[in-house]
PDB file of all heavy atoms in Angstrom:
ATOM      1  N   PHE A   1     246.559  45.289  90.938  1.00  0.00           N
ATOM      2  CA  PHE A   1     246.639  46.118  89.733  1.00  0.00           C
ATOM      3  C   PHE A   1     247.502  47.338  89.989  1.00  0.00           C
ATOM      4  O   PHE A   1     248.330  47.713  89.136  1.00  0.00           O
ATOM      5  CB  PHE A   1     245.247  46.547  89.275  1.00  0.00           C
ATOM      6  CG  PHE A   1     245.286  47.414  88.045  1.00  0.00           C
ATOM      7  CD1 PHE A   1     245.477  46.842  86.794  1.00  0.00           C
ATOM      8  CD2 PHE A   1     245.169  48.791  88.132  1.00  0.00           C
ATOM      9  CE1 PHE A   1     245.554  47.636  85.653  1.00  0.00           C
ATOM     10  CE2 PHE A   1     245.233  49.591  87.000  1.00  0.00           C
ATOM     11  CZ  PHE A   1     245.428  49.006  85.761  1.00  0.00           C
ATOM     12  N   GLU A   2     247.352  47.959  91.172  1.00  0.00           N
ATOM     13  CA  GLU A   2     248.142  49.145  91.489  1.00  0.00           C
ATOM     14  C   GLU A   2     249.634  48.823  91.472  1.00  0.00           C
ATOM     15  O   GLU A   2     250.446  49.586  90.939  1.00  0.00           O
ATOM     16  CB  GLU A   2     247.729  49.672  92.869  1.00  0.00           C
ATOM     17  CG  GLU A   2     248.301  51.034  93.217  1.00  0.00           C
ATOM     18  CD  GLU A   2     247.754  52.158  92.343  1.00  0.00           C
ATOM     19  OE1 GLU A   2     246.614  52.049  91.879  1.00  0.00           O
ATOM     20  OE2 GLU A   2     248.500  53.136  92.130  1.00  0.00           O
ATOM     21  N   LYS A   3     250.000  47.658  92.012  1.00  0.00           N
ATOM     22  CA  LYS A   3     251.411  47.256  91.998  1.00  0.00           C
ATOM     23  C   LYS A   3     251.887  46.962  90.577  1.00  0.00           C
ATOM     24  O   LYS A   3     253.027  47.253  90.207  1.00  0.00           O
ATOM     25  CB  LYS A   3     251.622  46.012  92.886  1.00  0.00           C
ATOM     26  CG  LYS A   3     251.497  46.277  94.372  1.00  0.00           C
ATOM     27  CD  LYS A   3     251.850  45.056  95.198  1.00  0.00           C
ATOM     28  CE  LYS A   3     253.347  44.826  95.235  1.00  0.00           C
ATOM     29  NZ  LYS A   3     253.718  43.742  96.181  1.00  0.00           N
ATOM     30  N   SER A   4     251.001  46.371  89.773  1.00  0.00           N
ATOM     31  CA  SER A   4     251.387  45.989  88.415  1.00  0.00           C
ATOM     32  C   SER A   4     251.705  47.193  87.538  1.00  0.00           C
ATOM     33  O   SER A   4     252.405  47.065  86.532  1.00  0.00           O
ATOM     34  CB  SER A   4     250.282  45.151  87.766  1.00  0.00           C
ATOM     35  OG  SER A   4     249.149  45.948  87.457  1.00  0.00           O
ATOM     36  N   LEU A   5     251.222  48.375  87.940  1.00  0.00           N
ATOM     37  CA  LEU A   5     251.519  49.578  87.173  1.00  0.00           C
ATOM     38  C   LEU A   5     253.008  49.917  87.180  1.00  0.00           C
ATOM     39  O   LEU A   5     253.466  50.721  86.362  1.00  0.00           O
ATOM     40  CB  LEU A   5     250.707  50.764  87.703  1.00  0.00           C
ATOM     41  CG  LEU A   5     249.186  50.702  87.479  1.00  0.00           C
ATOM     42  CD1 LEU A   5     248.502  51.907  88.092  1.00  0.00           C
ATOM     43  CD2 LEU A   5     248.864  50.613  85.993  1.00  0.00           C
ATOM     44  N   GLN A   6     253.761  49.266  88.065  1.00  0.00           N
ATOM     45  CA  GLN A   6     255.213  49.456  88.069  1.00  0.00           C
ATOM     46  C   GLN A   6     255.849  48.971  86.766  1.00  0.00           C
ATOM     47  O   GLN A   6     256.978  49.359  86.439  1.00  0.00           O
ATOM     48  CB  GLN A   6     255.844  48.719  89.259  1.00  0.00           C
ATOM     49  CG  GLN A   6     255.463  49.288  90.614  1.00  0.00           C
ATOM     50  CD  GLN A   6     256.057  48.477  91.756  1.00  0.00           C
ATOM     51  OE1 GLN A   6     257.207  48.067  91.697  1.00  0.00           O
ATOM     52  NE2 GLN A   6     255.255  48.247  92.797  1.00  0.00           N
ATOM     53  N   LEU A   7     255.153  48.127  86.037  1.00  0.00           N
ATOM     54  CA  LEU A   7     255.646  47.695  84.722  1.00  0.00           C
ATOM     55  C   LEU A   7     255.919  48.886  83.812  1.00  0.00           C
ATOM     56  O   LEU A   7     256.836  48.853  82.983  1.00  0.00           O
ATOM     57  CB  LEU A   7     254.625  46.762  84.053  1.00  0.00           C
ATOM     58  CG  LEU A   7     254.476  45.343  84.620  1.00  0.00           C
ATOM     59  CD1 LEU A   7     253.239  44.674  84.024  1.00  0.00           C
ATOM     60  CD2 LEU A   7     255.719  44.511  84.302  1.00  0.00           C
ATOM     61  N   LEU A   8     255.124  49.945  83.959  1.00  0.00           N
ATOM     62  CA  LEU A   8     255.277  51.121  83.102  1.00  0.00           C
ATOM     63  C   LEU A   8     256.566  51.874  83.390  1.00  0.00           C
ATOM     64  O   LEU A   8     257.030  52.656  82.553  1.00  0.00           O
ATOM     65  CB  LEU A   8     254.065  52.048  83.267  1.00  0.00           C
ATOM     66  CG  LEU A   8     252.705  51.422  82.933  1.00  0.00           C
ATOM     67  CD1 LEU A   8     251.578  52.416  83.198  1.00  0.00           C
ATOM     68  CD2 LEU A   8     252.667  50.949  81.486  1.00  0.00           C
ATOM     69  N   ASN A   9     257.140  51.648  84.582  1.00  0.00           N
ATOM     70  CA  ASN A   9     258.400  52.292  84.925  1.00  0.00           C
ATOM     71  C   ASN A   9     259.599  51.553  84.350  1.00  0.00           C
ATOM     72  O   ASN A   9     260.733  52.035  84.455  1.00  0.00           O
ATOM     73  CB  ASN A   9     258.552  52.379  86.449  1.00  0.00           C
ATOM     74  CG  ASN A   9     257.458  53.206  87.099  1.00  0.00           C
ATOM     75  OD1 ASN A   9     256.972  54.173  86.499  1.00  0.00           O
ATOM     76  ND2 ASN A   9     257.046  52.836  88.294  1.00  0.00           N
ATOM     77  N   LEU A  10     259.356  50.387  83.748  1.00  0.00           N
ATOM     78  CA  LEU A  10     260.450  49.550  83.250  1.00  0.00           C
ATOM     79  C   LEU A  10     260.760  49.806  81.783  1.00  0.00           C
ATOM     80  O   LEU A  10     261.634  49.160  81.206  1.00  0.00           O
ATOM     81  CB  LEU A  10     260.126  48.068  83.463  1.00  0.00           C
ATOM     82  CG  LEU A  10     259.792  47.644  84.898  1.00  0.00           C
ATOM     83  CD1 LEU A  10     259.507  46.147  84.944  1.00  0.00           C
ATOM     84  CD2 LEU A  10     260.941  47.995  85.850  1.00  0.00           C
ATOM     85  N   ILE A  11     260.021  50.731  81.156  1.00  0.00           N
ATOM     86  CA  ILE A  11     260.259  51.078  79.756  1.00  0.00           C
ATOM     87  C   ILE A  11     260.311  52.602  79.619  1.00  0.00           C
ATOM     88  O   ILE A  11     259.906  53.329  80.532  1.00  0.00           O
ATOM     89  CB  ILE A  11     259.152  50.517  78.823  1.00  0.00           C
ATOM     90  CG1 ILE A  11     257.769  51.016  79.263  1.00  0.00           C
ATOM     91  CG2 ILE A  11     259.201  49.005  78.783  1.00  0.00           C
ATOM     92  CD1 ILE A  11     256.655  50.634  78.306  1.00  0.00           C
ATOM     93  N   GLU A  12     260.822  53.062  78.477  1.00  0.00           N
ATOM     94  CA  GLU A  12     260.904  54.501  78.192  1.00  0.00           C
ATOM     95  C   GLU A  12     259.863  54.854  77.139  1.00  0.00           C
ATOM     96  O   GLU A  12     260.044  54.594  75.948  1.00  0.00           O
ATOM     97  CB  GLU A  12     262.298  54.866  77.676  1.00  0.00           C
ATOM     98  CG  GLU A  12     263.378  54.840  78.731  1.00  0.00           C
ATOM     99  CD  GLU A  12     263.192  55.927  79.784  1.00  0.00           C
ATOM    100  OE1 GLU A  12     262.737  57.027  79.419  1.00  0.00           O
ATOM    101  OE2 GLU A  12     263.483  55.665  80.957  1.00  0.00           O
ATOM    102  N   CYS A  13     258.741  55.400  77.589  1.00  0.00           N
ATOM    103  CA  CYS A  13     257.668  55.744  76.657  1.00  0.00           C
ATOM    104  C   CYS A  13     256.871  56.913  77.219  1.00  0.00           C
ATOM    105  O   CYS A  13     256.409  56.854  78.370  1.00  0.00           O
ATOM    106  CB  CYS A  13     256.750  54.536  76.429  1.00  0.00           C
ATOM    107  SG  CYS A  13     255.382  54.870  75.310  1.00  0.00           S
ATOM    108  N   ASP A  14     256.700  57.965  76.428  1.00  0.00           N
ATOM    109  CA  ASP A  14     255.983  59.151  76.902  1.00  0.00           C
ATOM    110  C   ASP A  14     254.477  59.069  76.653  1.00  0.00           C
ATOM    111  O   ASP A  14     253.759  60.053  76.862  1.00  0.00           O
ATOM    112  CB  ASP A  14     256.559  60.425  76.279  1.00  0.00           C
ATOM    113  CG  ASP A  14     256.502  60.422  74.755  1.00  0.00           C
ATOM    114  OD1 ASP A  14     255.959  59.449  74.188  1.00  0.00           O
ATOM    115  OD2 ASP A  14     257.000  61.391  74.135  1.00  0.00           O
ATOM    116  N   GLU A  15     253.998  57.907  76.202  1.00  0.00           N
ATOM    117  CA  GLU A  15     252.567  57.754  75.963  1.00  0.00           C
ATOM    118  C   GLU A  15     251.885  56.851  76.995  1.00  0.00           C
ATOM    119  O   GLU A  15     250.702  56.558  76.870  1.00  0.00           O
ATOM    120  CB  GLU A  15     252.333  57.173  74.563  1.00  0.00           C
ATOM    121  CG  GLU A  15     252.721  58.124  73.441  1.00  0.00           C
ATOM    122  CD  GLU A  15     252.329  57.598  72.072  1.00  0.00           C
ATOM    123  OE1 GLU A  15     251.807  56.467  72.000  1.00  0.00           O
ATOM    124  OE2 GLU A  15     252.537  58.314  71.085  1.00  0.00           O
ATOM    125  N   VAL A  16     252.639  56.409  78.006  1.00  0.00           N
ATOM    126  CA  VAL A  16     252.078  55.423  78.930  1.00  0.00           C
ATOM    127  C   VAL A  16     250.890  55.974  79.719  1.00  0.00           C
ATOM    128  O   VAL A  16     249.902  55.262  79.950  1.00  0.00           O
ATOM    129  CB  VAL A  16     253.149  54.869  79.893  1.00  0.00           C
ATOM    130  CG1 VAL A  16     254.141  53.996  79.142  1.00  0.00           C
ATOM    131  CG2 VAL A  16     253.864  55.986  80.640  1.00  0.00           C
ATOM    132  N   LEU A  17     250.958  57.235  80.127  1.00  0.00           N
ATOM    133  CA  LEU A  17     249.844  57.796  80.905  1.00  0.00           C
ATOM    134  C   LEU A  17     248.611  58.010  80.029  1.00  0.00           C
ATOM    135  O   LEU A  17     247.479  57.817  80.485  1.00  0.00           O
ATOM    136  CB  LEU A  17     250.265  59.107  81.558  1.00  0.00           C
ATOM    137  CG  LEU A  17     251.383  58.992  82.607  1.00  0.00           C
ATOM    138  CD1 LEU A  17     251.711  60.364  83.192  1.00  0.00           C
ATOM    139  CD2 LEU A  17     250.997  58.013  83.718  1.00  0.00           C
ATOM    140  N   LEU A  18     248.829  58.417  78.784  1.00  0.00           N
ATOM    141  CA  LEU A  18     247.711  58.560  77.847  1.00  0.00           C
ATOM    142  C   LEU A  18     247.049  57.205  77.613  1.00  0.00           C
ATOM    143  O   LEU A  18     245.815  57.093  77.621  1.00  0.00           O
ATOM    144  CB  LEU A  18     248.212  59.153  76.533  1.00  0.00           C
ATOM    145  CG  LEU A  18     247.171  59.366  75.427  1.00  0.00           C
ATOM    146  CD1 LEU A  18     246.074  60.313  75.886  1.00  0.00           C
ATOM    147  CD2 LEU A  18     247.850  59.908  74.163  1.00  0.00           C
ATOM    148  N   LYS A  19     247.854  56.172  77.424  1.00  0.00           N
ATOM    149  CA  LYS A  19     247.306  54.833  77.214  1.00  0.00           C
ATOM    150  C   LYS A  19     246.615  54.320  78.478  1.00  0.00           C
ATOM    151  O   LYS A  19     245.577  53.657  78.402  1.00  0.00           O
ATOM    152  CB  LYS A  19     248.417  53.870  76.793  1.00  0.00           C
ATOM    153  CG  LYS A  19     248.899  54.067  75.362  1.00  0.00           C
ATOM    154  CD  LYS A  19     249.992  53.078  75.006  1.00  0.00           C
ATOM    155  CE  LYS A  19     250.375  53.182  73.545  1.00  0.00           C
ATOM    156  NZ  LYS A  19     249.299  52.708  72.643  1.00  0.00           N
ATOM    157  N   LEU A  20     247.171  54.631  79.638  1.00  0.00           N
ATOM    158  CA  LEU A  20     246.549  54.213  80.892  1.00  0.00           C
ATOM    159  C   LEU A  20     245.200  54.902  81.072  1.00  0.00           C
ATOM    160  O   LEU A  20     244.215  54.271  81.509  1.00  0.00           O
ATOM    161  CB  LEU A  20     247.476  54.535  82.061  1.00  0.00           C
ATOM    162  CG  LEU A  20     246.967  54.137  83.452  1.00  0.00           C
ATOM    163  CD1 LEU A  20     246.710  52.638  83.541  1.00  0.00           C
ATOM    164  CD2 LEU A  20     247.974  54.573  84.537  1.00  0.00           C
ATOM    165  N   ALA A  21     245.139  56.173  80.723  1.00  0.00           N
ATOM    166  CA  ALA A  21     243.875  56.911  80.816  1.00  0.00           C
ATOM    167  C   ALA A  21     242.808  56.263  79.943  1.00  0.00           C
ATOM    168  O   ALA A  21     241.658  56.082  80.369  1.00  0.00           O
ATOM    169  CB  ALA A  21     244.089  58.360  80.406  1.00  0.00           C
ATOM    170  N   LYS A  22     243.185  55.902  78.720  1.00  0.00           N
ATOM    171  CA  LYS A  22     242.225  55.263  77.809  1.00  0.00           C
ATOM    172  C   LYS A  22     241.813  53.885  78.321  1.00  0.00           C
ATOM    173  O   LYS A  22     240.654  53.476  78.164  1.00  0.00           O
ATOM    174  CB  LYS A  22     242.817  55.161  76.407  1.00  0.00           C
ATOM    175  CG  LYS A  22     242.975  56.518  75.730  1.00  0.00           C
ATOM    176  CD  LYS A  22     243.572  56.384  74.330  1.00  0.00           C
ATOM    177  CE  LYS A  22     243.751  57.748  73.673  1.00  0.00           C
ATOM    178  NZ  LYS A  22     244.306  57.636  72.297  1.00  0.00           N
ATOM    179  N   LEU A  23     242.755  53.166  78.925  1.00  0.00           N
ATOM    180  CA  LEU A  23     242.425  51.858  79.507  1.00  0.00           C
ATOM    181  C   LEU A  23     241.366  52.022  80.595  1.00  0.00           C
ATOM    182  O   LEU A  23     240.379  51.269  80.634  1.00  0.00           O
ATOM    183  CB  LEU A  23     243.689  51.223  80.092  1.00  0.00           C
ATOM    184  CG  LEU A  23     243.495  49.901  80.843  1.00  0.00           C
ATOM    185  CD1 LEU A  23     242.962  48.815  79.920  1.00  0.00           C
ATOM    186  CD2 LEU A  23     244.809  49.460  81.491  1.00  0.00           C
ATOM    187  N   TYR A  24     241.562  52.997  81.465  1.00  0.00           N
ATOM    188  CA  TYR A  24     240.559  53.263  82.501  1.00  0.00           C
ATOM    189  C   TYR A  24     239.218  53.649  81.876  1.00  0.00           C
ATOM    190  O   TYR A  24     238.158  53.183  82.297  1.00  0.00           O
ATOM    191  CB  TYR A  24     241.030  54.386  83.424  1.00  0.00           C
ATOM    192  CG  TYR A  24     242.055  53.986  84.461  1.00  0.00           C
ATOM    193  CD1 TYR A  24     243.166  54.801  84.723  1.00  0.00           C
ATOM    194  CD2 TYR A  24     241.918  52.817  85.197  1.00  0.00           C
ATOM    195  CE1 TYR A  24     244.107  54.453  85.677  1.00  0.00           C
ATOM    196  CE2 TYR A  24     242.860  52.463  86.155  1.00  0.00           C
ATOM    197  CZ  TYR A  24     243.946  53.280  86.389  1.00  0.00           C
ATOM    198  OH  TYR A  24     244.873  52.929  87.338  1.00  0.00           O
ATOM    199  N   TYR A  25     239.281  54.500  80.861  1.00  0.00           N
ATOM    200  CA  TYR A  25     238.052  54.983  80.225  1.00  0.00           C
ATOM    201  C   TYR A  25     237.253  53.824  79.631  1.00  0.00           C
ATOM    202  O   TYR A  25     236.043  53.703  79.872  1.00  0.00           O
ATOM    203  CB  TYR A  25     238.387  56.000  79.140  1.00  0.00           C
ATOM    204  CG  TYR A  25     237.171  56.585  78.454  1.00  0.00           C
ATOM    205  CD1 TYR A  25     236.564  57.736  78.948  1.00  0.00           C
ATOM    206  CD2 TYR A  25     236.627  55.975  77.323  1.00  0.00           C
ATOM    207  CE1 TYR A  25     235.433  58.271  78.320  1.00  0.00           C
ATOM    208  CE2 TYR A  25     235.512  56.502  76.697  1.00  0.00           C
ATOM    209  CZ  TYR A  25     234.916  57.644  77.206  1.00  0.00           C
ATOM    210  OH  TYR A  25     233.799  58.151  76.586  1.00  0.00           O
ATOM    211  N   TYR A  26     237.915  52.977  78.861  1.00  0.00           N
ATOM    212  CA  TYR A  26     237.225  51.868  78.190  1.00  0.00           C
ATOM    213  C   TYR A  26     236.614  50.872  79.184  1.00  0.00           C
ATOM    214  O   TYR A  26     235.688  50.143  78.838  1.00  0.00           O
ATOM    215  CB  TYR A  26     238.180  51.130  77.252  1.00  0.00           C
ATOM    216  CG  TYR A  26     238.512  51.891  75.997  1.00  0.00           C
ATOM    217  CD1 TYR A  26     239.835  52.096  75.599  1.00  0.00           C
ATOM    218  CD2 TYR A  26     237.507  52.433  75.190  1.00  0.00           C
ATOM    219  CE1 TYR A  26     240.148  52.799  74.442  1.00  0.00           C
ATOM    220  CE2 TYR A  26     237.815  53.143  74.036  1.00  0.00           C
ATOM    221  CZ  TYR A  26     239.133  53.315  73.672  1.00  0.00           C
ATOM    222  OH  TYR A  26     239.429  54.018  72.533  1.00  0.00           O
ATOM    223  N   ASN A  27     237.151  50.868  80.390  1.00  0.00           N
ATOM    224  CA  ASN A  27     236.640  49.942  81.395  1.00  0.00           C
ATOM    225  C   ASN A  27     235.740  50.618  82.430  1.00  0.00           C
ATOM    226  O   ASN A  27     235.414  50.021  83.462  1.00  0.00           O
ATOM    227  CB  ASN A  27     237.807  49.233  82.093  1.00  0.00           C
ATOM    228  CG  ASN A  27     238.431  48.176  81.203  1.00  0.00           C
ATOM    229  OD1 ASN A  27     237.964  47.037  81.146  1.00  0.00           O
ATOM    230  ND2 ASN A  27     239.490  48.552  80.488  1.00  0.00           N
ATOM    231  N   GLY A  28     235.337  51.863  82.121  1.00  0.00           N
ATOM    232  CA  GLY A  28     234.329  52.528  82.939  1.00  0.00           C
ATOM    233  C   GLY A  28     234.845  53.256  84.164  1.00  0.00           C
ATOM    234  O   GLY A  28     234.057  53.742  84.975  1.00  0.00           O
ATOM    235  N   TYR A  29     236.163  53.381  84.316  1.00  0.00           N
ATOM    236  CA  TYR A  29     236.730  54.107  85.457  1.00  0.00           C
ATOM    237  C   TYR A  29     237.011  55.546  85.017  1.00  0.00           C
ATOM    238  O   TYR A  29     238.160  55.956  84.794  1.00  0.00           O
ATOM    239  CB  TYR A  29     238.014  53.428  85.937  1.00  0.00           C
ATOM    240  CG  TYR A  29     237.805  52.018  86.441  1.00  0.00           C
ATOM    241  CD1 TYR A  29     238.045  50.921  85.626  1.00  0.00           C
ATOM    242  CD2 TYR A  29     237.355  51.788  87.748  1.00  0.00           C
ATOM    243  CE1 TYR A  29     237.850  49.629  86.077  1.00  0.00           C
ATOM    244  CE2 TYR A  29     237.156  50.494  88.222  1.00  0.00           C
ATOM    245  CZ  TYR A  29     237.405  49.412  87.367  1.00  0.00           C
ATOM    246  OH  TYR A  29     237.214  48.140  87.839  1.00  0.00           O
ATOM    247  N   TYR A  30     235.953  56.322  84.914  1.00  0.00           N
ATOM    248  CA  TYR A  30     236.060  57.628  84.269  1.00  0.00           C
ATOM    249  C   TYR A  30     236.858  58.646  85.077  1.00  0.00           C
ATOM    250  O   TYR A  30     237.642  59.418  84.504  1.00  0.00           O
ATOM    251  CB  TYR A  30     234.663  58.174  83.966  1.00  0.00           C
ATOM    252  CG  TYR A  30     233.885  57.307  83.008  1.00  0.00           C
ATOM    253  CD1 TYR A  30     232.626  56.824  83.326  1.00  0.00           C
ATOM    254  CD2 TYR A  30     234.416  56.954  81.776  1.00  0.00           C
ATOM    255  CE1 TYR A  30     231.909  56.019  82.446  1.00  0.00           C
ATOM    256  CE2 TYR A  30     233.719  56.153  80.890  1.00  0.00           C
ATOM    257  CZ  TYR A  30     232.470  55.676  81.236  1.00  0.00           C
ATOM    258  OH  TYR A  30     231.781  54.873  80.370  1.00  0.00           O
ATOM    259  N   ASN A  31     236.700  58.663  86.381  1.00  0.00           N
ATOM    260  CA  ASN A  31     237.436  59.630  87.188  1.00  0.00           C
ATOM    261  C   ASN A  31     238.930  59.342  87.162  1.00  0.00           C
ATOM    262  O   ASN A  31     239.750  60.261  87.060  1.00  0.00           O
ATOM    263  CB  ASN A  31     236.912  59.633  88.632  1.00  0.00           C
ATOM    264  CG  ASN A  31     235.512  60.221  88.721  1.00  0.00           C
ATOM    265  OD1 ASN A  31     235.121  61.037  87.883  1.00  0.00           O
ATOM    266  ND2 ASN A  31     234.753  59.803  89.718  1.00  0.00           N
ATOM    267  N   LEU A  32     239.285  58.060  87.260  1.00  0.00           N
ATOM    268  CA  LEU A  32     240.697  57.691  87.161  1.00  0.00           C
ATOM    269  C   LEU A  32     241.242  58.047  85.779  1.00  0.00           C
ATOM    270  O   LEU A  32     242.385  58.497  85.645  1.00  0.00           O
ATOM    271  CB  LEU A  32     240.874  56.187  87.424  1.00  0.00           C
ATOM    272  CG  LEU A  32     240.717  55.722  88.878  1.00  0.00           C
ATOM    273  CD1 LEU A  32     240.740  54.202  88.946  1.00  0.00           C
ATOM    274  CD2 LEU A  32     241.837  56.306  89.745  1.00  0.00           C
ATOM    275  N   ALA A  33     240.424  57.836  84.748  1.00  0.00           N
ATOM    276  CA  ALA A  33     240.834  58.172  83.389  1.00  0.00           C
ATOM    277  C   ALA A  33     241.144  59.656  83.285  1.00  0.00           C
ATOM    278  O   ALA A  33     242.184  60.057  82.727  1.00  0.00           O
ATOM    279  CB  ALA A  33     239.737  57.789  82.399  1.00  0.00           C
ATOM    280  N   TYR A  34     240.264  60.486  83.825  1.00  0.00           N
ATOM    281  CA  TYR A  34     240.453  61.933  83.741  1.00  0.00           C
ATOM    282  C   TYR A  34     241.751  62.354  84.436  1.00  0.00           C
ATOM    283  O   TYR A  34     242.514  63.180  83.912  1.00  0.00           O
ATOM    284  CB  TYR A  34     239.258  62.658  84.366  1.00  0.00           C
ATOM    285  CG  TYR A  34     239.231  64.141  84.044  1.00  0.00           C
ATOM    286  CD1 TYR A  34     238.692  64.590  82.847  1.00  0.00           C
ATOM    287  CD2 TYR A  34     239.773  65.073  84.927  1.00  0.00           C
ATOM    288  CE1 TYR A  34     238.675  65.944  82.539  1.00  0.00           C
ATOM    289  CE2 TYR A  34     239.760  66.429  84.623  1.00  0.00           C
ATOM    290  CZ  TYR A  34     239.221  66.860  83.425  1.00  0.00           C
ATOM    291  OH  TYR A  34     239.212  68.192  83.108  1.00  0.00           O
ATOM    292  N   GLN A  35     242.014  61.767  85.606  1.00  0.00           N
ATOM    293  CA  GLN A  35     243.247  62.090  86.335  1.00  0.00           C
ATOM    294  C   GLN A  35     244.485  61.766  85.501  1.00  0.00           C
ATOM    295  O   GLN A  35     245.451  62.533  85.466  1.00  0.00           O
ATOM    296  CB  GLN A  35     243.292  61.306  87.652  1.00  0.00           C
ATOM    297  CG  GLN A  35     242.269  61.744  88.673  1.00  0.00           C
ATOM    298  CD  GLN A  35     242.239  60.816  89.886  1.00  0.00           C
ATOM    299  OE1 GLN A  35     243.227  60.159  90.195  1.00  0.00           O
ATOM    300  NE2 GLN A  35     241.097  60.754  90.567  1.00  0.00           N
TER     301      GLN A  35
END
């Protein structure tokens, strides 16, 4: 999964970190979400 996050570097979008945070949140990874 950590390697797959490189997909986010292949597009131009300023919302990717916000969306990643919500993805972590919805799946119960709260500390990662907060970061």
